[in-house]
Amino acid sequence: MSALLLTSIALTGHSAMPGGALSALHMAADAAHLLAAGWWLGGLLALAILAPDLKDTAALLGSFSRIGYGAVAVILASGVIKSWLLLGSPPPLTGTAYGRLLLVKVALFFAMGLIALANRFWITPALAREGRSPLWLVRLQRSATAEPALGLAVLAVVGVLGALSPP
């Protein structure tokens, strides 16, 4: 049900531009973007709630990171397609309010990615090595709180982008 609701958003807004194959491509990219973002953010919220109470936290993080790689890849690919369709070329990225706000969204997304990489290559190995160490569980909790907070900031920026006309 969540997937249907998320993909239905792709039928509205900027992706509902008139006209043939490009419109269909935009809606497909938008639907993929929305599903992957929902997958990642929804998973992060579950992770933040459940991870500290699970016995094998390192295994959970390892499984989640593999799923996260797929979500991030889809977000990147669909985001590039959507940006190309809405902007057409790089100059509007810095020359318009829409483009500059899109760059803020991209920066927040990359900050989320850096936190995810820290989880994967720093916190997860430490939890696997040291077990349920209170130090690493606190770091995990901070990380699992910061990443969705950045995700909410991305959603706030998306809300403003949706109200602006692309160049």
Protein backbone atom coordinates (compact mmCIF):
# COMPACT_ATOMS: atom_id res chain seq x y z
CA MET A 1 0.00 0.00 0.00
CA SER A 2 2.84 2.38 0.84
CA ALA A 3 4.50 1.69 -2.51
CA LEU A 4 1.27 2.47 -4.35
CA LEU A 5 0.79 5.69 -2.44
CA LEU A 6 4.37 6.79 -3.05
CA THR A 7 4.30 6.01 -6.76
CA SER A 8 0.97 7.81 -7.15
CA ILE A 9 2.78 11.05 -6.30
CA ALA A 10 4.70 10.62 -9.56
CA LEU A 11 1.45 11.32 -11.41
CA THR A 12 1.38 14.87 -10.05
CA GLY A 13 3.65 17.90 -9.96
CA HIS A 14 6.63 18.41 -12.23
CA SER A 15 6.68 14.83 -13.50
CA ALA A 16 3.16 15.20 -14.89
CA MET A 17 4.45 17.46 -17.66
CA PRO A 18 2.57 16.98 -20.90
CA GLY A 19 3.92 15.08 -23.79
CA GLY A 20 4.79 11.55 -24.82
CA ALA A 21 7.90 9.56 -24.08
CA LEU A 22 9.69 12.21 -21.99
CA SER A 23 6.67 12.53 -19.73
CA ALA A 24 6.55 8.74 -19.28
CA LEU A 25 10.30 8.66 -18.56
CA HIS A 26 9.91 11.46 -16.03
CA MET A 27 7.04 9.71 -14.26
CA ALA A 28 8.95 6.42 -14.17
CA ALA A 29 12.07 8.12 -12.81
CA ASP A 30 9.99 10.00 -10.27
CA ALA A 31 8.24 6.80 -9.14
CA ALA A 32 11.58 4.99 -8.77
CA HIS A 33 13.02 8.00 -6.90
CA LEU A 34 10.08 8.10 -4.50
CA LEU A 35 10.12 4.34 -3.86
CA ALA A 36 13.86 4.23 -3.20
CA ALA A 37 13.72 7.27 -0.92
CA GLY A 38 10.81 5.75 1.00
CA TRP A 39 12.69 2.46 1.23
CA TRP A 40 15.80 4.16 2.61
CA LEU A 41 14.08 6.58 5.00
CA GLY A 42 11.52 4.05 6.19
CA GLY A 43 14.30 1.56 6.81
CA LEU A 44 16.31 4.15 8.71
CA LEU A 45 13.44 4.87 11.04
CA ALA A 46 12.96 1.16 11.74
CA LEU A 47 16.71 0.79 12.24
CA ALA A 48 16.83 3.69 14.70
CA ILE A 49 14.02 2.14 16.73
CA LEU A 50 15.03 -1.53 16.62
CA ALA A 51 18.84 -1.70 16.43
CA PRO A 52 19.71 -0.95 20.06
CA ASP A 53 17.40 -3.73 21.31
CA LEU A 54 18.51 -6.51 18.93
CA LYS A 55 21.10 -9.07 19.95
CA ASP A 56 22.99 -9.18 16.65
CA THR A 57 23.10 -5.48 15.80
CA ALA A 58 26.13 -5.87 13.51
CA ALA A 59 24.30 -8.44 11.34
CA LEU A 60 21.27 -6.16 11.11
CA LEU A 61 23.46 -3.23 10.04
CA GLY A 62 25.20 -5.39 7.43
CA SER A 63 21.87 -6.49 5.96
CA PHE A 64 20.50 -2.98 5.99
CA SER A 65 23.58 -1.55 4.27
CA ARG A 66 23.21 -4.00 1.37
CA ILE A 67 19.60 -2.88 0.93
CA GLY A 68 20.70 0.73 1.31
CA TYR A 69 23.22 0.40 -1.54
CA GLY A 70 20.37 -0.48 -3.90
CA ALA A 71 18.21 2.39 -2.69
CA VAL A 72 21.05 4.89 -3.05
CA ALA A 73 21.86 3.65 -6.56
CA VAL A 74 18.22 4.07 -7.64
CA ILE A 75 18.03 7.52 -6.00
CA LEU A 76 21.19 8.63 -7.82
CA ALA A 77 20.18 7.28 -11.23
CA SER A 78 16.59 8.54 -11.07
CA GLY A 79 17.75 11.89 -9.65
CA VAL A 80 20.10 12.42 -12.58
CA ILE A 81 17.31 11.61 -15.04
CA LYS A 82 14.85 13.91 -13.27
CA SER A 83 17.41 16.75 -13.10
CA TRP A 84 18.25 16.39 -16.78
CA LEU A 85 14.57 16.51 -17.71
CA LEU A 86 13.82 19.52 -15.48
CA LEU A 87 17.00 21.56 -15.96
CA GLY A 88 18.28 20.52 -19.37
CA SER A 89 21.85 21.65 -18.73
CA PRO A 90 24.18 22.54 -15.81
CA PRO A 91 23.88 26.40 -15.84
CA PRO A 92 20.40 26.44 -14.23
CA LEU A 93 21.87 24.60 -11.21
CA THR A 94 23.63 27.74 -10.04
CA GLY A 95 21.73 30.37 -12.01
CA THR A 96 18.24 29.78 -10.62
CA ALA A 97 16.65 29.50 -7.18
CA TYR A 98 15.31 26.08 -8.17
CA GLY A 99 18.79 24.86 -9.14
CA ARG A 100 20.46 26.19 -6.00
CA LEU A 101 17.82 24.55 -3.83
CA LEU A 102 18.33 21.31 -5.76
CA LEU A 103 22.04 21.56 -4.89
CA VAL A 104 21.08 21.90 -1.21
CA LYS A 105 19.02 18.71 -1.56
CA VAL A 106 21.97 16.92 -3.18
CA ALA A 107 24.32 18.11 -0.40
CA LEU A 108 21.94 16.79 2.28
CA PHE A 109 21.66 13.48 0.40
CA PHE A 110 25.45 13.15 0.25
CA ALA A 111 25.69 13.94 3.97
CA MET A 112 23.27 11.07 4.57
CA GLY A 113 25.49 8.89 2.40
CA LEU A 114 28.57 9.80 4.44
CA ILE A 115 26.78 8.79 7.64
CA ALA A 116 25.73 5.52 5.99
CA LEU A 117 29.35 4.85 4.98
CA ALA A 118 30.52 5.56 8.53
CA ASN A 119 27.94 3.06 9.77
CA ARG A 120 29.06 0.45 7.27
CA PHE A 121 32.82 0.79 7.60
CA TRP A 122 33.30 2.09 11.13
CA ILE A 123 30.38 1.30 13.46
CA THR A 124 29.32 -2.09 12.04
CA PRO A 125 32.84 -3.60 12.19
CA ALA A 126 33.28 -2.28 15.74
CA LEU A 127 29.99 -3.84 16.85
CA ALA A 128 30.96 -7.13 15.20
CA ARG A 129 34.36 -7.02 16.87
CA GLU A 130 33.36 -5.76 20.32
CA GLY A 131 29.80 -7.03 20.62
CA ARG A 132 27.15 -4.80 22.11
CA SER A 133 29.59 -2.29 23.52
CA PRO A 134 27.75 0.69 25.08
CA LEU A 135 30.16 3.09 23.33
CA TRP A 136 29.33 1.73 19.87
CA LEU A 137 25.62 1.44 20.60
CA VAL A 138 25.55 5.13 21.54
CA ARG A 139 27.40 5.98 18.32
CA LEU A 140 24.94 3.85 16.38
CA GLN A 141 22.00 5.60 18.04
CA ARG A 142 23.44 9.05 17.21
CA SER A 143 24.09 8.00 13.65
CA ALA A 144 20.68 6.36 13.31
CA THR A 145 19.10 9.60 14.55
CA ALA A 146 21.20 11.99 12.43
CA GLU A 147 20.64 10.19 9.12
CA PRO A 148 16.81 10.27 9.23
CA ALA A 149 16.96 13.87 10.49
CA LEU A 150 18.89 14.76 7.34
CA GLY A 151 16.30 12.76 5.38
CA LEU A 152 13.55 14.92 6.87
CA ALA A 153 15.53 18.00 5.85
CA VAL A 154 15.67 16.58 2.30
CA LEU A 155 11.89 16.15 2.39
CA ALA A 156 11.48 19.77 3.52
CA VAL A 157 13.62 20.95 0.59
CA VAL A 158 11.60 18.71 -1.76
CA GLY A 159 8.44 20.39 -0.49
CA VAL A 160 9.81 23.80 -1.45
CA LEU A 161 11.09 22.49 -4.81
CA GLY A 162 7.62 21.16 -5.57
CA ALA A 163 6.19 24.65 -5.09
CA LEU A 164 8.77 26.28 -7.39
CA SER A 165 8.69 26.22 -11.16
CA PRO A 166 11.74 24.52 -12.67
CA PRO A 167 13.69 26.67 -15.11
